[in-house]
Structures are given as structure tokens and as C-alpha cells.
Amino acid sequence: MSKYIELTNENFDATVKEGVSLVDFWAPWCGPCKMISPIIDQLAVDFDGKANICKVNADEQQDLTVKYGVRSIPTIIFIKNGEVIDQVIGTSANKEVLTEKINSLINK
């Protein structure tokens, strides 16, 4: 089973520079983050080989959190070829909405 990619300062740019990436900024203590975690895990399976499904631990990777202006978690950022295209803050987006956003970026 495919798993999401854990991003750090060291691998972030190399991972998101080509193709489509969904990046979930989260923290272990965050209740809403735990709620969407199964969705992120499923997207990693659904888009294996088509898009990068990634997570950033906001507590451990504060430089990335600041760089991308993440002020509340969960924040999901959509990146295409290294450029931030869209973002979703909180748990408002369900699996269908996230899937649709990823597919629209893949097909652009």
C-alpha cells in the first residue's frame, strides 16, 4: 500500500518541483488533523504514481510552515511544478473536493 511522503526542509523543494503535489501541514496534537488523516492516506493510494501526496509536521518543520504562510492547521496546499496554486484551511474539504482539485491540476 502506498503511503504519503513526509516532507522536511531537506526534501521539500525536490519533491514538489515537478508534477502535482498536495501538501498537508499538520501536527500530532491537532484534532482536526487527525480527522482528515485517513483521507490523506487514501489519496496517497488513489494518486500513487500520478501526484505527490505529502505531509509536513508543522511543529518539526517550522521553517516550511513560515515560508508557506501557514497560520492554522490543518492547511492543505496544492502545488504544481513548484508553484502554489491553491490551498484549503481546516477540515472543510472532503475527499471528493480534494480529489477534484488534484485531478484538475493533473489535467491542466
PDB file of N, CA and C in Angstrom:
ATOM      1  N   MET A   1       0.840  -1.191   0.000  1.00  0.00           N
ATOM      2  CA  MET A   1       0.000   0.000   0.000  1.00  0.00           C
ATOM      3  C   MET A   1       0.878   1.247   0.000  1.00  0.00           C
ATOM      4  N   SER A   2       0.532   2.189  -0.821  1.00  0.00           N
ATOM      5  CA  SER A   2       1.297   3.427  -0.908  1.00  0.00           C
ATOM      6  C   SER A   2       1.048   4.291   0.316  1.00  0.00           C
ATOM      7  N   LYS A   3       2.036   5.094   0.648  1.00  0.00           N
ATOM      8  CA  LYS A   3       1.940   5.964   1.799  1.00  0.00           C
ATOM      9  C   LYS A   3       2.305   7.370   1.353  1.00  0.00           C
ATOM     10  N   TYR A   4       1.796   8.343   2.081  1.00  0.00           N
ATOM     11  CA  TYR A   4       2.143   9.726   1.783  1.00  0.00           C
ATOM     12  C   TYR A   4       3.643   9.943   2.000  1.00  0.00           C
ATOM     13  N   ILE A   5       4.144  11.049   1.461  1.00  0.00           N
ATOM     14  CA  ILE A   5       5.549  11.424   1.594  1.00  0.00           C
ATOM     15  C   ILE A   5       5.679  12.416   2.741  1.00  0.00           C
ATOM     16  N   GLU A   6       6.555  12.117   3.690  1.00  0.00           N
ATOM     17  CA  GLU A   6       6.816  13.039   4.802  1.00  0.00           C
ATOM     18  C   GLU A   6       7.847  14.059   4.326  1.00  0.00           C
ATOM     19  N   LEU A   7       7.447  15.334   4.300  1.00  0.00           N
ATOM     20  CA  LEU A   7       8.339  16.374   3.798  1.00  0.00           C
ATOM     21  C   LEU A   7       9.083  17.084   4.922  1.00  0.00           C
ATOM     22  N   THR A   8      10.331  17.439   4.623  1.00  0.00           N
ATOM     23  CA  THR A   8      11.176  18.204   5.535  1.00  0.00           C
ATOM     24  C   THR A   8      11.842  19.320   4.725  1.00  0.00           C
ATOM     25  N   ASN A   9      12.571  20.186   5.418  1.00  0.00           N
ATOM     26  CA  ASN A   9      13.339  21.221   4.711  1.00  0.00           C
ATOM     27  C   ASN A   9      14.245  20.605   3.658  1.00  0.00           C
ATOM     28  N   GLU A  10      14.776  19.427   3.963  1.00  0.00           N
ATOM     29  CA  GLU A  10      15.760  18.789   3.082  1.00  0.00           C
ATOM     30  C   GLU A  10      15.151  18.272   1.779  1.00  0.00           C
ATOM     31  N   ASN A  11      13.928  17.741   1.819  1.00  0.00           N
ATOM     32  CA  ASN A  11      13.378  17.120   0.606  1.00  0.00           C
ATOM     33  C   ASN A  11      12.197  17.871  -0.005  1.00  0.00           C
ATOM     34  N   PHE A  12      11.767  18.967   0.594  1.00  0.00           N
ATOM     35  CA  PHE A  12      10.558  19.660   0.136  1.00  0.00           C
ATOM     36  C   PHE A  12      10.664  20.108  -1.321  1.00  0.00           C
ATOM     37  N   ASP A  13      11.650  20.961  -1.615  1.00  0.00           N
ATOM     38  CA  ASP A  13      11.747  21.531  -2.963  1.00  0.00           C
ATOM     39  C   ASP A  13      11.914  20.466  -4.040  1.00  0.00           C
ATOM     40  N   ALA A  14      12.759  19.477  -3.779  1.00  0.00           N
ATOM     41  CA  ALA A  14      12.986  18.414  -4.764  1.00  0.00           C
ATOM     42  C   ALA A  14      11.713  17.610  -5.021  1.00  0.00           C
ATOM     43  N   THR A  15      10.890  17.436  -3.982  1.00  0.00           N
ATOM     44  CA  THR A  15       9.664  16.641  -4.119  1.00  0.00           C
ATOM     45  C   THR A  15       8.589  17.384  -4.898  1.00  0.00           C
ATOM     46  N   VAL A  16       8.433  18.688  -4.659  1.00  0.00           N
ATOM     47  CA  VAL A  16       7.310  19.425  -5.262  1.00  0.00           C
ATOM     48  C   VAL A  16       7.676  20.172  -6.542  1.00  0.00           C
ATOM     49  N   LYS A  17       8.936  20.083  -6.993  1.00  0.00           N
ATOM     50  CA  LYS A  17       9.340  20.903  -8.144  1.00  0.00           C
ATOM     51  C   LYS A  17       8.727  20.439  -9.461  1.00  0.00           C
ATOM     52  N   GLU A  18       8.353  19.166  -9.566  1.00  0.00           N
ATOM     53  CA  GLU A  18       7.747  18.666 -10.804  1.00  0.00           C
ATOM     54  C   GLU A  18       6.433  17.957 -10.499  1.00  0.00           C
ATOM     55  N   GLY A  19       5.469  18.168 -11.376  1.00  0.00           N
ATOM     56  CA  GLY A  19       4.187  17.489 -11.221  1.00  0.00           C
ATOM     57  C   GLY A  19       3.284  18.173 -10.208  1.00  0.00           C
ATOM     58  N   VAL A  20       2.296  17.416  -9.748  1.00  0.00           N
ATOM     59  CA  VAL A  20       1.279  17.920  -8.833  1.00  0.00           C
ATOM     60  C   VAL A  20       1.529  17.356  -7.441  1.00  0.00           C
ATOM     61  N   SER A  21       1.442  18.240  -6.439  1.00  0.00           N
ATOM     62  CA  SER A  21       1.627  17.812  -5.052  1.00  0.00           C
ATOM     63  C   SER A  21       0.525  18.395  -4.171  1.00  0.00           C
ATOM     64  N   LEU A  22      -0.006  17.560  -3.304  1.00  0.00           N
ATOM     65  CA  LEU A  22      -0.875  18.004  -2.219  1.00  0.00           C
ATOM     66  C   LEU A  22      -0.009  17.947  -0.967  1.00  0.00           C
ATOM     67  N   VAL A  23       0.074  19.062  -0.237  1.00  0.00           N
ATOM     68  CA  VAL A  23       0.897  19.117   0.969  1.00  0.00           C
ATOM     69  C   VAL A  23       0.009  19.469   2.151  1.00  0.00           C
ATOM     70  N   ASP A  24      -0.079  18.542   3.098  1.00  0.00           N
ATOM     71  CA  ASP A  24      -0.902  18.695   4.300  1.00  0.00           C
ATOM     72  C   ASP A  24       0.003  19.123   5.459  1.00  0.00           C
ATOM     73  N   PHE A  25      -0.190  20.357   5.945  1.00  0.00           N
ATOM     74  CA  PHE A  25       0.515  20.818   7.146  1.00  0.00           C
ATOM     75  C   PHE A  25      -0.316  20.403   8.354  1.00  0.00           C
ATOM     76  N   TRP A  26       0.287  19.664   9.279  1.00  0.00           N
ATOM     77  CA  TRP A  26      -0.434  19.056  10.399  1.00  0.00           C
ATOM     78  C   TRP A  26       0.461  19.045  11.639  1.00  0.00           C
ATOM     79  N   ALA A  27      -0.111  18.619  12.762  1.00  0.00           N
ATOM     80  CA  ALA A  27       0.655  18.402  13.998  1.00  0.00           C
ATOM     81  C   ALA A  27       0.007  17.260  14.766  1.00  0.00           C
ATOM     82  N   PRO A  28       0.816  16.508  15.528  1.00  0.00           N
ATOM     83  CA  PRO A  28       0.294  15.338  16.248  1.00  0.00           C
ATOM     84  C   PRO A  28      -0.807  15.669  17.259  1.00  0.00           C
ATOM     85  N   TRP A  29      -0.795  16.861  17.830  1.00  0.00           N
ATOM     86  CA  TRP A  29      -1.764  17.241  18.860  1.00  0.00           C
ATOM     87  C   TRP A  29      -3.066  17.802  18.274  1.00  0.00           C
ATOM     88  N   CYS A  30      -3.118  17.970  16.958  1.00  0.00           N
ATOM     89  CA  CYS A  30      -4.229  18.653  16.292  1.00  0.00           C
ATOM     90  C   CYS A  30      -5.386  17.693  16.005  1.00  0.00           C
ATOM     91  N   GLY A  31      -6.511  17.904  16.688  1.00  0.00           N
ATOM     92  CA  GLY A  31      -7.694  17.055  16.498  1.00  0.00           C
ATOM     93  C   GLY A  31      -8.216  17.042  15.073  1.00  0.00           C
ATOM     94  N   PRO A  32      -8.448  18.226  14.460  1.00  0.00           N
ATOM     95  CA  PRO A  32      -8.924  18.241  13.078  1.00  0.00           C
ATOM     96  C   PRO A  32      -7.946  17.567  12.103  1.00  0.00           C
ATOM     97  N   CYS A  33      -6.638  17.655  12.405  1.00  0.00           N
ATOM     98  CA  CYS A  33      -5.638  16.985  11.552  1.00  0.00           C
ATOM     99  C   CYS A  33      -5.853  15.472  11.582  1.00  0.00           C
ATOM    100  N   LYS A  34      -6.168  14.956  12.778  1.00  0.00           N
ATOM    101  CA  LYS A  34      -6.424  13.520  12.916  1.00  0.00           C
ATOM    102  C   LYS A  34      -7.669  13.116  12.146  1.00  0.00           C
ATOM    103  N   MET A  35      -8.642  14.038  12.064  1.00  0.00           N
ATOM    104  CA  MET A  35      -9.882  13.745  11.340  1.00  0.00           C
ATOM    105  C   MET A  35      -9.632  13.572   9.838  1.00  0.00           C
ATOM    106  N   ILE A  36      -8.741  14.399   9.269  1.00  0.00           N
ATOM    107  CA  ILE A  36      -8.523  14.307   7.822  1.00  0.00           C
ATOM    108  C   ILE A  36      -7.399  13.351   7.450  1.00  0.00           C
ATOM    109  N   SER A  37      -6.660  12.863   8.421  1.00  0.00           N
ATOM    110  CA  SER A  37      -5.537  11.974   8.146  1.00  0.00           C
ATOM    111  C   SER A  37      -5.926  10.741   7.319  1.00  0.00           C
ATOM    112  N   PRO A  38      -7.042  10.067   7.627  1.00  0.00           N
ATOM    113  CA  PRO A  38      -7.427   8.907   6.794  1.00  0.00           C
ATOM    114  C   PRO A  38      -7.705   9.296   5.337  1.00  0.00           C
ATOM    115  N   ILE A  39      -8.198  10.509   5.112  1.00  0.00           N
ATOM    116  CA  ILE A  39      -8.458  10.978   3.752  1.00  0.00           C
ATOM    117  C   ILE A  39      -7.127  11.153   3.014  1.00  0.00           C
ATOM    118  N   ILE A  40      -6.145  11.750   3.694  1.00  0.00           N
ATOM    119  CA  ILE A  40      -4.827  11.948   3.088  1.00  0.00           C
ATOM    120  C   ILE A  40      -4.211  10.587   2.757  1.00  0.00           C
ATOM    121  N   ASP A  41      -4.330   9.644   3.689  1.00  0.00           N
ATOM    122  CA  ASP A  41      -3.801   8.292   3.453  1.00  0.00           C
ATOM    123  C   ASP A  41      -4.451   7.654   2.222  1.00  0.00           C
ATOM    124  N   GLN A  42      -5.757   7.814   2.075  1.00  0.00           N
ATOM    125  CA  GLN A  42      -6.465   7.232   0.936  1.00  0.00           C
ATOM    126  C   GLN A  42      -6.073   7.924  -0.368  1.00  0.00           C
ATOM    127  N   LEU A  43      -5.893   9.239  -0.328  1.00  0.00           N
ATOM    128  CA  LEU A  43      -5.461   9.959  -1.528  1.00  0.00           C
ATOM    129  C   LEU A  43      -4.086   9.480  -1.980  1.00  0.00           C
ATOM    130  N   ALA A  44      -3.217   9.151  -1.021  1.00  0.00           N
ATOM    131  CA  ALA A  44      -1.877   8.643  -1.357  1.00  0.00           C
ATOM    132  C   ALA A  44      -1.982   7.348  -2.151  1.00  0.00           C
ATOM    133  N   VAL A  45      -2.969   6.522  -1.815  1.00  0.00           N
ATOM    134  CA  VAL A  45      -3.201   5.277  -2.557  1.00  0.00           C
ATOM    135  C   VAL A  45      -3.827   5.597  -3.924  1.00  0.00           C
ATOM    136  N   ASP A  46      -4.839   6.442  -3.915  1.00  0.00           N
ATOM    137  CA  ASP A  46      -5.569   6.761  -5.144  1.00  0.00           C
ATOM    138  C   ASP A  46      -4.675   7.412  -6.202  1.00  0.00           C
ATOM    139  N   PHE A  47      -3.737   8.246  -5.774  1.00  0.00           N
ATOM    140  CA  PHE A  47      -2.921   9.011  -6.720  1.00  0.00           C
ATOM    141  C   PHE A  47      -1.482   8.514  -6.813  1.00  0.00           C
ATOM    142  N   ASP A  48      -1.247   7.296  -6.366  1.00  0.00           N
ATOM    143  CA  ASP A  48       0.092   6.715  -6.445  1.00  0.00           C
ATOM    144  C   ASP A  48       0.585   6.743  -7.888  1.00  0.00           C
ATOM    145  N   GLY A  49       1.723   7.369  -8.112  1.00  0.00           N
ATOM    146  CA  GLY A  49       2.269   7.465  -9.453  1.00  0.00           C
ATOM    147  C   GLY A  49       1.714   8.602 -10.286  1.00  0.00           C
ATOM    148  N   LYS A  50       0.693   9.300  -9.784  1.00  0.00           N
ATOM    149  CA  LYS A  50       0.078  10.405 -10.532  1.00  0.00           C
ATOM    150  C   LYS A  50       0.318  11.757  -9.883  1.00  0.00           C
ATOM    151  N   ALA A  51       0.391  11.779  -8.548  1.00  0.00           N
ATOM    152  CA  ALA A  51       0.593  13.028  -7.804  1.00  0.00           C
ATOM    153  C   ALA A  51       1.292  12.698  -6.491  1.00  0.00           C
ATOM    154  N   ASN A  52       2.009  13.679  -5.968  1.00  0.00           N
ATOM    155  CA  ASN A  52       2.660  13.516  -4.666  1.00  0.00           C
ATOM    156  C   ASN A  52       1.673  13.912  -3.572  1.00  0.00           C
ATOM    157  N   ILE A  53       1.392  12.993  -2.675  1.00  0.00           N
ATOM    158  CA  ILE A  53       0.547  13.289  -1.525  1.00  0.00           C
ATOM    159  C   ILE A  53       1.489  13.353  -0.329  1.00  0.00           C
ATOM    160  N   CYS A  54       1.591  14.534   0.269  1.00  0.00           N
ATOM    161  CA  CYS A  54       2.647  14.791   1.246  1.00  0.00           C
ATOM    162  C   CYS A  54       2.089  15.368   2.543  1.00  0.00           C
ATOM    163  N   LYS A  55       2.878  15.196   3.609  1.00  0.00           N
ATOM    164  CA  LYS A  55       2.550  15.786   4.898  1.00  0.00           C
ATOM    165  C   LYS A  55       3.772  16.501   5.444  1.00  0.00           C
ATOM    166  N   VAL A  56       3.528  17.621   6.111  1.00  0.00           N
ATOM    167  CA  VAL A  56       4.574  18.367   6.804  1.00  0.00           C
ATOM    168  C   VAL A  56       4.152  18.507   8.258  1.00  0.00           C
ATOM    169  N   ASN A  57       4.981  17.993   9.161  1.00  0.00           N
ATOM    170  CA  ASN A  57       4.729  18.167  10.590  1.00  0.00           C
ATOM    171  C   ASN A  57       5.081  19.613  10.917  1.00  0.00           C
ATOM    172  N   ALA A  58       4.057  20.430  11.174  1.00  0.00           N
ATOM    173  CA  ALA A  58       4.251  21.869  11.372  1.00  0.00           C
ATOM    174  C   ALA A  58       5.103  22.176  12.603  1.00  0.00           C
ATOM    175  N   ASP A  59       5.063  21.316  13.606  1.00  0.00           N
ATOM    176  CA  ASP A  59       5.887  21.518  14.803  1.00  0.00           C
ATOM    177  C   ASP A  59       7.360  21.289  14.507  1.00  0.00           C
ATOM    178  N   GLU A  60       7.660  20.264  13.719  1.00  0.00           N
ATOM    179  CA  GLU A  60       9.047  19.891  13.443  1.00  0.00           C
ATOM    180  C   GLU A  60       9.653  20.683  12.290  1.00  0.00           C
ATOM    181  N   GLN A  61       8.822  21.196  11.396  1.00  0.00           N
ATOM    182  CA  GLN A  61       9.311  21.895  10.196  1.00  0.00           C
ATOM    183  C   GLN A  61       8.812  23.336  10.184  1.00  0.00           C
ATOM    184  N   GLN A  62       9.171  24.075  11.210  1.00  0.00           N
ATOM    185  CA  GLN A  62       8.650  25.433  11.350  1.00  0.00           C
ATOM    186  C   GLN A  62       9.103  26.369  10.233  1.00  0.00           C
ATOM    187  N   ASP A  63      10.296  26.125   9.662  1.00  0.00           N
ATOM    188  CA  ASP A  63      10.755  26.959   8.541  1.00  0.00           C
ATOM    189  C   ASP A  63       9.791  26.857   7.360  1.00  0.00           C
ATOM    190  N   LEU A  64       9.336  25.646   7.051  1.00  0.00           N
ATOM    191  CA  LEU A  64       8.392  25.459   5.944  1.00  0.00           C
ATOM    192  C   LEU A  64       7.038  26.071   6.281  1.00  0.00           C
ATOM    193  N   THR A  65       6.632  25.924   7.532  1.00  0.00           N
ATOM    194  CA  THR A  65       5.348  26.479   7.971  1.00  0.00           C
ATOM    195  C   THR A  65       5.338  27.991   7.774  1.00  0.00           C
ATOM    196  N   VAL A  66       6.433  28.643   8.144  1.00  0.00           N
ATOM    197  CA  VAL A  66       6.551  30.096   7.977  1.00  0.00           C
ATOM    198  C   VAL A  66       6.652  30.455   6.497  1.00  0.00           C
ATOM    199  N   LYS A  67       7.483  29.736   5.754  1.00  0.00           N
ATOM    200  CA  LYS A  67       7.699  30.016   4.332  1.00  0.00           C
ATOM    201  C   LYS A  67       6.393  30.005   3.549  1.00  0.00           C
ATOM    202  N   TYR A  68       5.507  29.068   3.884  1.00  0.00           N
ATOM    203  CA  TYR A  68       4.242  28.944   3.152  1.00  0.00           C
ATOM    204  C   TYR A  68       3.072  29.638   3.844  1.00  0.00           C
ATOM    205  N   GLY A  69       3.362  30.446   4.858  1.00  0.00           N
ATOM    206  CA  GLY A  69       2.344  31.277   5.492  1.00  0.00           C
ATOM    207  C   GLY A  69       1.249  30.502   6.196  1.00  0.00           C
ATOM    208  N   VAL A  70       1.585  29.319   6.702  1.00  0.00           N
ATOM    209  CA  VAL A  70       0.586  28.503   7.391  1.00  0.00           C
ATOM    210  C   VAL A  70       0.384  29.064   8.797  1.00  0.00           C
ATOM    211  N   ARG A  71      -0.852  29.522   9.062  1.00  0.00           N
ATOM    212  CA  ARG A  71      -1.158  30.119  10.354  1.00  0.00           C
ATOM    213  C   ARG A  71      -2.061  29.239  11.207  1.00  0.00           C
ATOM    214  N   SER A  72      -2.764  28.339  10.554  1.00  0.00           N
ATOM    215  CA  SER A  72      -3.597  27.392  11.301  1.00  0.00           C
ATOM    216  C   SER A  72      -3.518  26.045  10.603  1.00  0.00           C
ATOM    217  N   ILE A  73      -3.710  25.002  11.387  1.00  0.00           N
ATOM    218  CA  ILE A  73      -3.643  23.660  10.822  1.00  0.00           C
ATOM    219  C   ILE A  73      -4.944  22.936  11.129  1.00  0.00           C
ATOM    220  N   PRO A  74      -5.337  22.008  10.277  1.00  0.00           N
ATOM    221  CA  PRO A  74      -4.647  21.625   9.048  1.00  0.00           C
ATOM    222  C   PRO A  74      -4.787  22.670   7.944  1.00  0.00           C
ATOM    223  N   THR A  75      -3.718  22.830   7.184  1.00  0.00           N
ATOM    224  CA  THR A  75      -3.729  23.611   5.948  1.00  0.00           C
ATOM    225  C   THR A  75      -3.202  22.689   4.855  1.00  0.00           C
ATOM    226  N   ILE A  76      -3.959  22.599   3.776  1.00  0.00           N
ATOM    227  CA  ILE A  76      -3.563  21.777   2.640  1.00  0.00           C
ATOM    228  C   ILE A  76      -3.240  22.711   1.485  1.00  0.00           C
ATOM    229  N   ILE A  77      -2.022  22.573   0.968  1.00  0.00           N
ATOM    230  CA  ILE A  77      -1.568  23.409  -0.132  1.00  0.00           C
ATOM    231  C   ILE A  77      -1.424  22.534  -1.382  1.00  0.00           C
ATOM    232  N   PHE A  78      -1.903  23.063  -2.498  1.00  0.00           N
ATOM    233  CA  PHE A  78      -1.777  22.375  -3.787  1.00  0.00           C
ATOM    234  C   PHE A  78      -0.684  23.062  -4.594  1.00  0.00           C
ATOM    235  N   ILE A  79       0.297  22.282  -5.039  1.00  0.00           N
ATOM    236  CA  ILE A  79       1.449  22.811  -5.755  1.00  0.00           C
ATOM    237  C   ILE A  79       1.560  22.099  -7.101  1.00  0.00           C
ATOM    238  N   LYS A  80       1.814  22.882  -8.161  1.00  0.00           N
ATOM    239  CA  LYS A  80       2.076  22.291  -9.470  1.00  0.00           C
ATOM    240  C   LYS A  80       3.395  22.847  -9.983  1.00  0.00           C
ATOM    241  N   ASN A  81       4.330  21.942 -10.275  1.00  0.00           N
ATOM    242  CA  ASN A  81       5.658  22.313 -10.772  1.00  0.00           C
ATOM    243  C   ASN A  81       6.319  23.377  -9.901  1.00  0.00           C
ATOM    244  N   GLY A  82       6.207  23.197  -8.581  1.00  0.00           N
ATOM    245  CA  GLY A  82       6.877  24.082  -7.635  1.00  0.00           C
ATOM    246  C   GLY A  82       6.128  25.347  -7.283  1.00  0.00           C
ATOM    247  N   GLU A  83       4.990  25.597  -7.912  1.00  0.00           N
ATOM    248  CA  GLU A  83       4.235  26.825  -7.685  1.00  0.00           C
ATOM    249  C   GLU A  83       2.946  26.527  -6.923  1.00  0.00           C
ATOM    250  N   VAL A  84       2.703  27.293  -5.843  1.00  0.00           N
ATOM    251  CA  VAL A  84       1.472  27.118  -5.071  1.00  0.00           C
ATOM    252  C   VAL A  84       0.297  27.596  -5.913  1.00  0.00           C
ATOM    253  N   ILE A  85      -0.681  26.713  -6.096  1.00  0.00           N
ATOM    254  CA  ILE A  85      -1.840  27.010  -6.933  1.00  0.00           C
ATOM    255  C   ILE A  85      -3.079  27.313  -6.093  1.00  0.00           C
ATOM    256  N   ASP A  86      -3.233  26.591  -4.989  1.00  0.00           N
ATOM    257  CA  ASP A  86      -4.461  26.712  -4.198  1.00  0.00           C
ATOM    258  C   ASP A  86      -4.172  26.214  -2.789  1.00  0.00           C
ATOM    259  N   GLN A  87      -5.089  26.522  -1.865  1.00  0.00           N
ATOM    260  CA  GLN A  87      -4.975  25.963  -0.522  1.00  0.00           C
ATOM    261  C   GLN A  87      -6.349  25.834   0.117  1.00  0.00           C
ATOM    262  N   VAL A  88      -6.436  24.910   1.068  1.00  0.00           N
ATOM    263  CA  VAL A  88      -7.647  24.687   1.843  1.00  0.00           C
ATOM    264  C   VAL A  88      -7.237  24.704   3.311  1.00  0.00           C
ATOM    265  N   ILE A  89      -7.938  25.497   4.111  1.00  0.00           N
ATOM    266  CA  ILE A  89      -7.619  25.579   5.536  1.00  0.00           C
ATOM    267  C   ILE A  89      -8.734  24.912   6.324  1.00  0.00           C
ATOM    268  N   GLY A  90      -8.344  24.077   7.296  1.00  0.00           N
ATOM    269  CA  GLY A  90      -9.325  23.390   8.128  1.00  0.00           C
ATOM    270  C   GLY A  90      -9.807  22.103   7.500  1.00  0.00           C
ATOM    271  N   THR A  91     -10.942  21.632   7.973  1.00  0.00           N
ATOM    272  CA  THR A  91     -11.472  20.342   7.524  1.00  0.00           C
ATOM    273  C   THR A  91     -12.661  20.500   6.584  1.00  0.00           C
ATOM    274  N   SER A  92     -12.798  21.670   5.968  1.00  0.00           N
ATOM    275  CA  SER A  92     -13.983  21.936   5.139  1.00  0.00           C
ATOM    276  C   SER A  92     -14.030  21.082   3.874  1.00  0.00           C
ATOM    277  N   ALA A  93     -12.864  20.664   3.372  1.00  0.00           N
ATOM    278  CA  ALA A  93     -12.842  19.906   2.122  1.00  0.00           C
ATOM    279  C   ALA A  93     -12.879  18.410   2.401  1.00  0.00           C
ATOM    280  N   ASN A  94     -13.838  17.740   1.782  1.00  0.00           N
ATOM    281  CA  ASN A  94     -13.911  16.284   1.930  1.00  0.00           C
ATOM    282  C   ASN A  94     -13.065  15.620   0.849  1.00  0.00           C
ATOM    283  N   LYS A  95     -13.052  14.297   0.847  1.00  0.00           N
ATOM    284  CA  LYS A  95     -12.213  13.543  -0.096  1.00  0.00           C
ATOM    285  C   LYS A  95     -12.563  13.878  -1.540  1.00  0.00           C
ATOM    286  N   GLU A  96     -13.845  14.046  -1.840  1.00  0.00           N
ATOM    287  CA  GLU A  96     -14.263  14.324  -3.211  1.00  0.00           C
ATOM    288  C   GLU A  96     -13.725  15.673  -3.684  1.00  0.00           C
ATOM    289  N   VAL A  97     -13.770  16.680  -2.816  1.00  0.00           N
ATOM    290  CA  VAL A  97     -13.285  18.015  -3.171  1.00  0.00           C
ATOM    291  C   VAL A  97     -11.775  17.975  -3.414  1.00  0.00           C
ATOM    292  N   LEU A  98     -11.047  17.305  -2.531  1.00  0.00           N
ATOM    293  CA  LEU A  98      -9.593  17.207  -2.682  1.00  0.00           C
ATOM    294  C   LEU A  98      -9.224  16.433  -3.944  1.00  0.00           C
ATOM    295  N   THR A  99      -9.951  15.352  -4.209  1.00  0.00           N
ATOM    296  CA  THR A  99      -9.716  14.550  -5.414  1.00  0.00           C
ATOM    297  C   THR A  99      -9.940  15.387  -6.669  1.00  0.00           C
ATOM    298  N   GLU A 100     -11.013  16.164  -6.663  1.00  0.00           N
ATOM    299  CA  GLU A 100     -11.344  17.012  -7.806  1.00  0.00           C
ATOM    300  C   GLU A 100     -10.237  18.056  -8.052  1.00  0.00           C
ATOM    301  N   LYS A 101      -9.743  18.656  -6.972  1.00  0.00           N
ATOM    302  CA  LYS A 101      -8.673  19.671  -7.100  1.00  0.00           C
ATOM    303  C   LYS A 101      -7.398  19.032  -7.680  1.00  0.00           C
ATOM    304  N   ILE A 102      -7.032  17.868  -7.178  1.00  0.00           N
ATOM    305  CA  ILE A 102      -5.836  17.192  -7.686  1.00  0.00           C
ATOM    306  C   ILE A 102      -6.019  16.836  -9.161  1.00  0.00           C
ATOM    307  N   ASN A 103      -7.151  16.249  -9.496  1.00  0.00           N
ATOM    308  CA  ASN A 103      -7.402  15.866 -10.889  1.00  0.00           C
ATOM    309  C   ASN A 103      -7.372  17.071 -11.818  1.00  0.00           C
ATOM    310  N   SER A 104      -7.932  18.206 -11.382  1.00  0.00           N
ATOM    311  CA  SER A 104      -7.952  19.397 -12.238  1.00  0.00           C
ATOM    312  C   SER A 104      -6.525  19.888 -12.490  1.00  0.00           C
ATOM    313  N   LEU A 105      -5.641  19.770 -11.499  1.00  0.00           N
ATOM    314  CA  LEU A 105      -4.247  20.189 -11.699  1.00  0.00           C
ATOM    315  C   LEU A 105      -3.487  19.207 -12.590  1.00  0.00           C
ATOM    316  N   ILE A 106      -3.768  17.925 -12.430  1.00  0.00           N
ATOM    317  CA  ILE A 106      -3.117  16.916 -13.279  1.00  0.00           C
ATOM    318  C   ILE A 106      -3.501  17.129 -14.744  1.00  0.00           C
ATOM    319  N   ASN A 107      -4.762  17.462 -14.965  1.00  0.00           N
ATOM    320  CA  ASN A 107      -5.284  17.569 -16.333  1.00  0.00           C
ATOM    321  C   ASN A 107      -5.102  18.945 -16.975  1.00  0.00           C
ATOM    322  N   LYS A 108      -4.459  19.892 -16.265  1.00  0.00           N
ATOM    323  CA  LYS A 108      -4.254  21.238 -16.829  1.00  0.00           C
ATOM    324  C   LYS A 108      -3.146  21.233 -17.835  1.00  0.00           C
TER     325      LYS A 108
END
